[in-house]
N, C-alpha and C. Protein backbone atom coordinates (compact mmCIF):
# COMPACT_ATOMS: atom_id res chain seq x y z
N UNK A 1 -6.42 -29.05 -7.67
CA UNK A 1 -6.59 -28.00 -9.09
C UNK A 1 -8.43 -26.99 -8.84
N UNK A 2 -8.68 -26.45 -9.96
CA UNK A 2 -9.60 -25.59 -9.93
C UNK A 2 -10.48 -26.06 -11.25
N UNK A 3 -11.25 -25.50 -11.67
CA UNK A 3 -12.15 -26.35 -12.71
C UNK A 3 -11.70 -25.88 -13.91
N UNK A 4 -12.51 -26.49 -14.79
CA UNK A 4 -11.46 -26.88 -16.23
C UNK A 4 -12.23 -26.26 -17.32
N UNK A 5 -12.31 -25.04 -18.13
CA UNK A 5 -12.95 -24.38 -18.93
C UNK A 5 -11.99 -24.33 -20.28
N UNK A 6 -12.90 -25.24 -21.53
CA UNK A 6 -12.13 -25.14 -22.66
C UNK A 6 -10.84 -25.93 -22.45
N UNK A 7 -10.50 -27.14 -21.54
CA UNK A 7 -9.48 -27.78 -21.20
C UNK A 7 -8.09 -27.00 -20.99
N UNK A 8 -8.60 -25.99 -20.75
CA UNK A 8 -7.54 -25.20 -19.76
C UNK A 8 -8.05 -25.37 -17.59
N UNK A 9 -7.50 -25.67 -16.75
CA UNK A 9 -7.52 -25.52 -15.30
C UNK A 9 -7.08 -23.90 -15.92
N UNK A 10 -8.35 -23.45 -14.43
CA UNK A 10 -8.79 -22.62 -13.95
C UNK A 10 -8.48 -22.23 -12.35
N UNK A 11 -7.11 -21.91 -12.47
CA UNK A 11 -6.69 -22.76 -10.46
C UNK A 11 -8.12 -21.47 -9.61
N UNK A 12 -7.59 -21.92 -8.78
CA UNK A 12 -8.74 -21.77 -7.38
C UNK A 12 -8.54 -20.52 -7.56
N UNK A 13 -8.46 -19.60 -6.76
CA UNK A 13 -7.51 -18.19 -6.02
C UNK A 13 -8.58 -17.90 -4.11
N UNK A 14 -7.99 -18.17 -3.51
CA UNK A 14 -8.82 -17.75 -1.89
C UNK A 14 -8.96 -16.13 -1.99
N UNK A 15 -10.51 -15.70 -1.37
CA UNK A 15 -10.50 -14.86 -1.56
C UNK A 15 -9.78 -14.19 0.03
N UNK A 16 -9.79 -13.40 -0.34
CA UNK A 16 -8.63 -12.20 0.93
C UNK A 16 -9.61 -11.47 1.83
N UNK A 17 -9.80 -11.25 2.95
CA UNK A 17 -10.46 -10.22 3.63
C UNK A 17 -9.94 -9.09 4.15
N UNK A 18 -10.29 -7.72 3.74
CA UNK A 18 -8.73 -6.69 4.38
C UNK A 18 -10.22 -6.51 5.07
N UNK A 19 -11.13 -5.70 5.29
CA UNK A 19 -11.18 -4.48 6.09
C UNK A 19 -12.88 -4.35 6.30
N UNK A 20 -13.46 -4.88 7.35
CA UNK A 20 -15.06 -4.18 7.07
C UNK A 20 -15.68 -5.09 6.20
N UNK A 21 -15.25 -6.73 6.34
CA UNK A 21 -15.88 -7.27 5.66
C UNK A 21 -16.06 -7.38 4.24
N UNK A 22 -15.12 -6.45 3.76
CA UNK A 22 -14.51 -6.07 1.81
C UNK A 22 -14.28 -7.55 1.71
N UNK A 23 -14.52 -7.77 0.52
CA UNK A 23 -13.81 -9.03 0.52
C UNK A 23 -12.75 -8.63 -1.63
N UNK A 24 -11.60 -8.76 -1.37
CA UNK A 24 -11.80 -8.86 -2.99
C UNK A 24 -10.08 -9.96 -3.51
N UNK A 25 -10.56 -10.14 -4.49
CA UNK A 25 -10.01 -11.64 -4.92
C UNK A 25 -8.61 -11.54 -5.18
N UNK A 26 -8.70 -13.29 -4.35
CA UNK A 26 -7.11 -13.15 -4.15
C UNK A 26 -5.91 -13.48 -5.39
N UNK A 27 -6.15 -13.85 -6.72
CA UNK A 27 -6.03 -13.64 -7.69
C UNK A 27 -4.94 -12.13 -8.52
N UNK A 28 -5.48 -11.07 -7.70
CA UNK A 28 -4.64 -10.10 -7.91
C UNK A 28 -3.76 -10.04 -6.32
N UNK A 29 -2.50 -9.72 -6.64
CA UNK A 29 -1.56 -8.96 -5.30
C UNK A 29 -1.74 -7.50 -5.04
N UNK A 30 -2.85 -7.16 -4.05
CA UNK A 30 -2.73 -5.66 -3.89
C UNK A 30 -2.91 -5.24 -2.22
N UNK A 31 -1.43 -4.74 -2.51
CA UNK A 31 -0.93 -4.35 -1.04
C UNK A 31 -0.50 -3.15 -1.52
N UNK A 32 -1.21 -2.28 0.01
CA UNK A 32 -0.49 -1.25 0.12
C UNK A 32 1.16 -0.72 0.14
N UNK A 33 1.94 0.26 -0.75
CA UNK A 33 2.89 0.40 -0.76
C UNK A 33 3.37 1.17 0.80
N UNK A 34 5.04 -0.14 0.76
CA UNK A 34 5.03 0.23 2.40
C UNK A 34 6.16 0.97 2.46
N UNK A 35 5.71 2.26 1.87
CA UNK A 35 6.36 3.69 2.06
C UNK A 35 5.62 4.65 2.65
N UNK A 36 4.40 4.60 2.55
CA UNK A 36 3.40 5.08 3.09
C UNK A 36 2.54 5.70 4.56
N UNK A 37 2.95 7.05 4.45
CA UNK A 37 3.00 7.10 6.03
C UNK A 37 2.20 6.50 6.49
N UNK A 38 2.11 6.08 7.87
CA UNK A 38 0.17 6.31 8.89
C UNK A 38 -0.45 7.02 8.99
N UNK A 39 -1.51 7.09 8.56
CA UNK A 39 -2.61 8.17 9.40
C UNK A 39 -3.19 7.96 10.16
N UNK A 40 -3.45 6.82 10.74
CA UNK A 40 -3.78 5.97 11.62
C UNK A 40 -4.05 4.53 12.20
N UNK A 41 -4.01 4.61 13.75
CA UNK A 41 -3.55 3.30 14.11
C UNK A 41 -4.85 2.71 14.59
N UNK A 42 -5.00 1.36 14.48
CA UNK A 42 -6.20 0.30 14.92
C UNK A 42 -5.52 -0.97 15.90
N UNK A 43 -5.77 -0.98 16.94
CA UNK A 43 -5.91 -2.51 17.98
C UNK A 43 -6.74 -3.50 17.73
N UNK A 44 -6.78 -4.27 17.42
CA UNK A 44 -7.56 -5.57 16.83
C UNK A 44 -6.68 -7.03 17.62
N UNK A 45 -7.93 -7.47 18.38
CA UNK A 45 -7.45 -8.55 19.17
C UNK A 45 -7.96 -9.74 17.98
N UNK A 46 -6.62 -10.59 18.08
CA UNK A 46 -6.19 -11.84 17.64
C UNK A 46 -6.29 -13.00 18.52
N UNK A 47 -7.20 -13.67 19.27
CA UNK A 47 -7.12 -14.67 19.60
C UNK A 47 -6.66 -14.11 20.93
N UNK A 48 -5.57 -14.18 21.62
CA UNK A 48 -4.97 -13.97 23.13
C UNK A 48 -4.13 -12.45 22.76
N UNK A 49 -3.92 -12.21 21.26
CA UNK A 49 -2.64 -11.01 21.02
C UNK A 49 -3.15 -9.95 20.60
N UNK A 50 -2.59 -9.17 21.35
CA UNK A 50 -3.28 -7.89 21.00
C UNK A 50 -2.32 -6.86 20.05
N UNK A 51 -3.04 -6.91 18.60
CA UNK A 51 -2.70 -6.40 17.12
C UNK A 51 -2.47 -5.02 16.93
N UNK A 52 -1.78 -4.06 17.02
CA UNK A 52 -1.63 -2.74 16.89
C UNK A 52 -1.37 -2.97 14.81
N UNK A 53 -2.43 -2.06 13.96
CA UNK A 53 -2.52 -2.35 12.40
C UNK A 53 -2.00 -0.83 12.33
N UNK A 54 -1.84 -0.39 11.47
CA UNK A 54 -1.05 1.38 10.31
C UNK A 54 -2.67 1.22 9.51
N UNK A 55 -2.94 2.12 9.70
CA UNK A 55 -3.52 2.81 8.71
C UNK A 55 -3.01 3.17 7.63
N UNK A 56 -2.94 3.28 6.56
CA UNK A 56 -1.98 4.00 5.25
C UNK A 56 -2.73 4.94 3.96
N UNK A 57 -4.00 4.16 3.84
CA UNK A 57 -4.86 4.57 2.80
C UNK A 57 -6.27 4.28 3.45
N UNK A 58 -7.35 6.05 3.99
CA UNK A 58 -8.56 5.96 4.31
C UNK A 58 -9.22 5.43 3.10
N UNK A 59 -10.75 4.79 4.15
CA UNK A 59 -11.73 4.12 3.48
C UNK A 59 -12.07 5.35 2.54
N UNK A 60 -12.87 4.55 1.40
CA UNK A 60 -13.88 5.70 0.43
C UNK A 60 -12.52 6.20 -0.42
N UNK A 61 -11.21 6.01 -0.52
CA UNK A 61 -10.28 6.54 -1.04
C UNK A 61 -9.92 6.55 -2.22
N UNK A 62 -10.40 7.35 -3.31
CA UNK A 62 -9.68 6.49 -4.91
C UNK A 62 -8.51 6.52 -4.78
N UNK A 63 -7.81 5.26 -5.34
CA UNK A 63 -6.64 4.80 -5.54
C UNK A 63 -5.93 4.10 -6.85
N UNK A 64 -4.57 4.00 -6.82
CA UNK A 64 -4.44 3.59 -8.20
C UNK A 64 -3.12 3.17 -7.47
N UNK A 65 -1.74 2.59 -8.84
CA UNK A 65 -0.98 1.84 -8.46
C UNK A 65 0.06 2.83 -9.22
N UNK A 66 1.41 1.94 -8.06
CA UNK A 66 2.29 2.86 -8.48
C UNK A 66 3.69 2.30 -9.85
N UNK A 67 4.58 3.06 -9.76
CA UNK A 67 5.45 2.38 -10.89
C UNK A 67 5.78 1.09 -10.14
N UNK A 68 5.70 0.72 -9.28
CA UNK A 68 6.47 -0.82 -8.43
C UNK A 68 5.27 -1.38 -8.45
N UNK A 69 4.15 -1.32 -8.89
CA UNK A 69 2.96 -2.03 -8.67
C UNK A 69 2.25 -2.16 -7.24
N UNK A 70 2.16 -1.39 -6.40
CA UNK A 70 2.13 -1.04 -5.39
C UNK A 70 0.53 -0.18 -5.40
N UNK A 71 -0.35 -0.18 -4.37
CA UNK A 71 -1.20 0.28 -4.03
C UNK A 71 -1.34 1.43 -3.78
N UNK A 72 -1.63 2.93 -4.05
CA UNK A 72 -1.16 4.33 -3.44
C UNK A 72 -2.47 5.49 -3.07
N UNK A 73 -2.42 5.80 -3.26
CA UNK A 73 -3.55 6.99 -2.85
C UNK A 73 -3.27 7.95 -4.66
N UNK A 74 -4.53 8.19 -5.25
CA UNK A 74 -4.86 8.29 -6.11
C UNK A 74 -4.88 9.94 -6.20
N UNK A 75 -4.23 10.58 -6.72
CA UNK A 75 -4.12 12.26 -7.08
C UNK A 75 -4.01 12.91 -7.51
N UNK A 76 -4.42 14.00 -8.69
CA UNK A 76 -3.27 15.06 -9.72
C UNK A 76 -2.37 15.42 -9.62
N UNK A 77 -1.20 15.59 -9.89
CA UNK A 77 -0.55 16.69 -9.46
C UNK A 77 1.29 15.87 -8.56
N UNK A 78 2.14 16.58 -7.99
CA UNK A 78 2.95 15.97 -6.99
C UNK A 78 2.55 16.38 -5.93
N UNK A 79 3.05 15.48 -4.81
CA UNK A 79 3.33 15.80 -3.21
C UNK A 79 4.51 14.85 -2.54
N UNK A 80 4.48 15.37 -1.82
CA UNK A 80 5.69 14.72 -0.62
C UNK A 80 5.11 13.67 0.65
N UNK A 81 5.93 12.93 1.09
CA UNK A 81 4.96 12.76 2.28
C UNK A 81 6.07 12.89 3.25
N UNK A 82 4.93 13.18 4.25
CA UNK A 82 5.29 13.63 5.85
C UNK A 82 5.27 11.89 7.00
N UNK A 83 6.67 11.87 7.45
CA UNK A 83 6.63 11.15 8.26
C UNK A 83 7.08 11.69 9.83
N UNK A 84 6.08 10.36 10.70
CA UNK A 84 6.31 10.74 12.16
C UNK A 84 7.35 9.74 12.63
N UNK A 85 7.07 9.88 14.06
CA UNK A 85 8.05 9.04 14.95
C UNK A 85 6.87 7.14 14.70
N UNK A 86 5.52 7.40 14.77
CA UNK A 86 5.02 6.24 14.21
C UNK A 86 5.03 5.84 12.84
N UNK A 87 5.80 6.06 12.23
CA UNK A 87 6.38 5.68 11.26
C UNK A 87 7.45 4.97 11.19
N UNK A 88 8.19 5.19 11.98
CA UNK A 88 9.48 5.09 12.32
C UNK A 88 9.13 3.15 13.64
N UNK A 89 7.97 3.88 13.82
CA UNK A 89 7.59 2.42 14.95
C UNK A 89 7.08 1.23 14.51
N UNK A 90 6.52 1.87 13.20
CA UNK A 90 5.66 0.79 12.43
C UNK A 90 7.03 -0.13 11.21
N UNK A 91 7.96 0.52 11.03
CA UNK A 91 8.77 0.14 10.14
C UNK A 91 8.73 0.49 9.22
N UNK A 92 7.98 1.99 8.85
CA UNK A 92 7.86 2.56 7.04
C UNK A 92 9.17 2.67 6.28
N UNK A 93 8.87 2.08 5.88
CA UNK A 93 10.24 2.38 4.15
C UNK A 93 10.06 4.02 4.06
N UNK A 94 11.29 4.52 3.58
CA UNK A 94 11.59 5.72 3.46
C UNK A 94 11.81 5.96 1.74
N UNK A 95 10.46 6.99 1.08
CA UNK A 95 10.28 6.88 -0.44
C UNK A 95 11.54 7.56 -1.05
N UNK A 96 12.24 8.04 -0.45
CA UNK A 96 13.65 8.97 -0.79
C UNK A 96 14.88 7.54 -0.97
N UNK A 97 14.93 6.39 -0.14
CA UNK A 97 15.75 5.48 -0.82
C UNK A 97 14.95 4.36 -1.14
N UNK A 98 13.72 4.45 -1.28
CA UNK A 98 12.85 2.88 -1.96
C UNK A 98 12.77 2.91 -3.10
N UNK A 99 12.93 1.34 -3.74
CA UNK A 99 13.67 1.21 -4.91
C UNK A 99 12.70 -0.34 -5.72
N UNK A 100 11.66 -0.66 -3.94
CA UNK A 100 11.33 -1.38 -4.75
C UNK A 100 11.71 -3.13 -4.04
N UNK A 101 12.61 -2.85 -3.38
CA UNK A 101 14.23 -4.00 -3.01
C UNK A 101 12.64 -4.34 -1.55
N UNK A 102 13.34 -5.29 -0.84
CA UNK A 102 13.50 -5.86 0.40
C UNK A 102 14.37 -5.48 0.98
N UNK A 103 15.43 -4.78 0.42
CA UNK A 103 16.50 -4.06 1.64
C UNK A 103 16.61 -2.26 1.47
N UNK A 104 15.38 -2.35 1.17
CA UNK A 104 15.61 -0.06 1.43
C UNK A 104 15.21 -0.10 2.94
N UNK A 105 16.00 0.85 3.18
CA UNK A 105 16.13 1.62 4.77
C UNK A 105 14.52 2.52 4.83
N UNK A 106 14.54 1.92 6.33
CA UNK A 106 13.08 2.25 7.14
C UNK A 106 13.19 4.03 7.61
N UNK A 107 11.91 5.00 7.99
CA UNK A 107 12.73 5.98 8.36
C UNK A 107 12.97 5.29 9.40
N UNK A 108 13.35 6.74 9.75
CA UNK A 108 14.15 6.83 11.07
C UNK A 108 13.41 7.85 12.78
N UNK A 109 13.00 8.97 11.88
CA UNK A 109 11.83 9.71 12.76
C UNK A 109 11.17 10.61 12.05
N UNK A 110 10.40 11.84 12.17
CA UNK A 110 9.77 12.82 11.67
C UNK A 110 10.38 13.68 10.78
N UNK A 111 10.10 13.17 9.52
CA UNK A 111 10.59 14.27 7.97
C UNK A 111 9.40 14.22 7.26
N UNK A 112 10.35 15.18 6.08
CA UNK A 112 9.31 15.33 5.11
C UNK A 112 10.28 15.17 3.82
N UNK A 113 9.68 13.99 3.00
CA UNK A 113 10.55 13.27 2.01
C UNK A 113 11.15 14.67 1.22
N UNK A 114 12.35 13.86 0.34
CA UNK A 114 12.70 15.34 -0.69
C UNK A 114 11.72 14.19 -2.13
N UNK A 115 11.57 13.34 -1.77
CA UNK A 115 11.11 12.54 -3.59
C UNK A 115 9.54 12.77 -3.13
N UNK A 116 9.48 13.50 -4.79
CA UNK A 116 7.83 13.24 -4.82
C UNK A 116 7.31 12.23 -5.51
N UNK A 117 6.12 12.09 -4.94
CA UNK A 117 5.12 10.72 -5.66
C UNK A 117 3.87 11.60 -6.39
N UNK A 118 3.18 11.37 -7.80
CA UNK A 118 2.83 11.98 -8.54
C UNK A 118 2.48 11.60 -9.55
N UNK A 119 1.78 12.62 -10.63
CA UNK A 119 1.22 12.14 -12.23
C UNK A 119 2.32 12.58 -12.83
N UNK A 120 2.78 14.12 -12.51
CA UNK A 120 3.78 14.96 -13.80
C UNK A 120 5.22 14.60 -13.82
N UNK A 121 5.70 14.88 -14.89
CA UNK A 121 6.65 14.04 -14.90
C UNK A 121 8.06 14.47 -14.16
N UNK A 122 7.38 15.49 -13.57
CA UNK A 122 9.14 15.95 -11.91
C UNK A 122 8.28 14.93 -11.10
N UNK A 123 7.33 14.13 -11.19
CA UNK A 123 7.62 13.59 -9.57
C UNK A 123 8.73 11.75 -10.12
N UNK A 124 9.29 11.76 -9.21
CA UNK A 124 10.04 10.97 -8.64
C UNK A 124 9.74 9.62 -8.63
N UNK A 125 8.09 9.34 -8.46
CA UNK A 125 7.63 7.62 -8.17
C UNK A 125 6.36 8.12 -8.58
N UNK A 126 6.02 7.69 -10.60
CA UNK A 126 5.22 7.76 -10.50
C UNK A 126 3.88 7.00 -10.15
N UNK A 127 2.70 7.37 -10.20
CA UNK A 127 1.65 7.31 -10.04
C UNK A 127 0.33 6.80 -11.44
N UNK A 128 -0.46 5.94 -11.61
CA UNK A 128 -1.58 5.67 -12.56
C UNK A 128 -2.54 6.35 -12.73
N UNK A 129 -3.53 6.44 -13.73
CA UNK A 129 -4.81 6.52 -12.95
C UNK A 129 -5.67 5.90 -11.89
N UNK A 130 -6.79 6.40 -11.79
CA UNK A 130 -7.41 5.94 -10.71
C UNK A 130 -7.89 4.43 -11.18
N UNK A 131 -8.00 3.46 -10.25
CA UNK A 131 -8.78 2.14 -10.82
C UNK A 131 -9.51 1.68 -9.79
N UNK A 132 -10.16 2.25 -8.85
CA UNK A 132 -10.95 1.98 -8.01
C UNK A 132 -11.31 3.21 -6.56
N UNK A 133 -11.80 2.55 -5.69
CA UNK A 133 -12.05 3.05 -4.48
C UNK A 133 -11.42 2.27 -2.96
């Protein structure tokens, strides 16, 4: 257990390291949306294993939350997502069938989504105002 403040226990949260030594408090669950297409890949050595990672949000981008609570890039208006074969290799979820559940379908190849991501009333997946960079 953590510290006590006014007779209420304060849980101890671990700090999580995301990239380049930037630390984000572990008390907030912040994960990128699993339907975001891979923008670039990066290989890192973890002990004896070479791990291939997909970057879905560029460093320095404004971010916000979608209606499911995932982190997405912040922008004004609507937009569609373009998937490639690399998204199929990484097991990226397809936004067209995404409902926030574990059993959603993954992308099988290159395509452009039919659902829109955005801030307008026409958007199928709503995003909010920017909350950070």
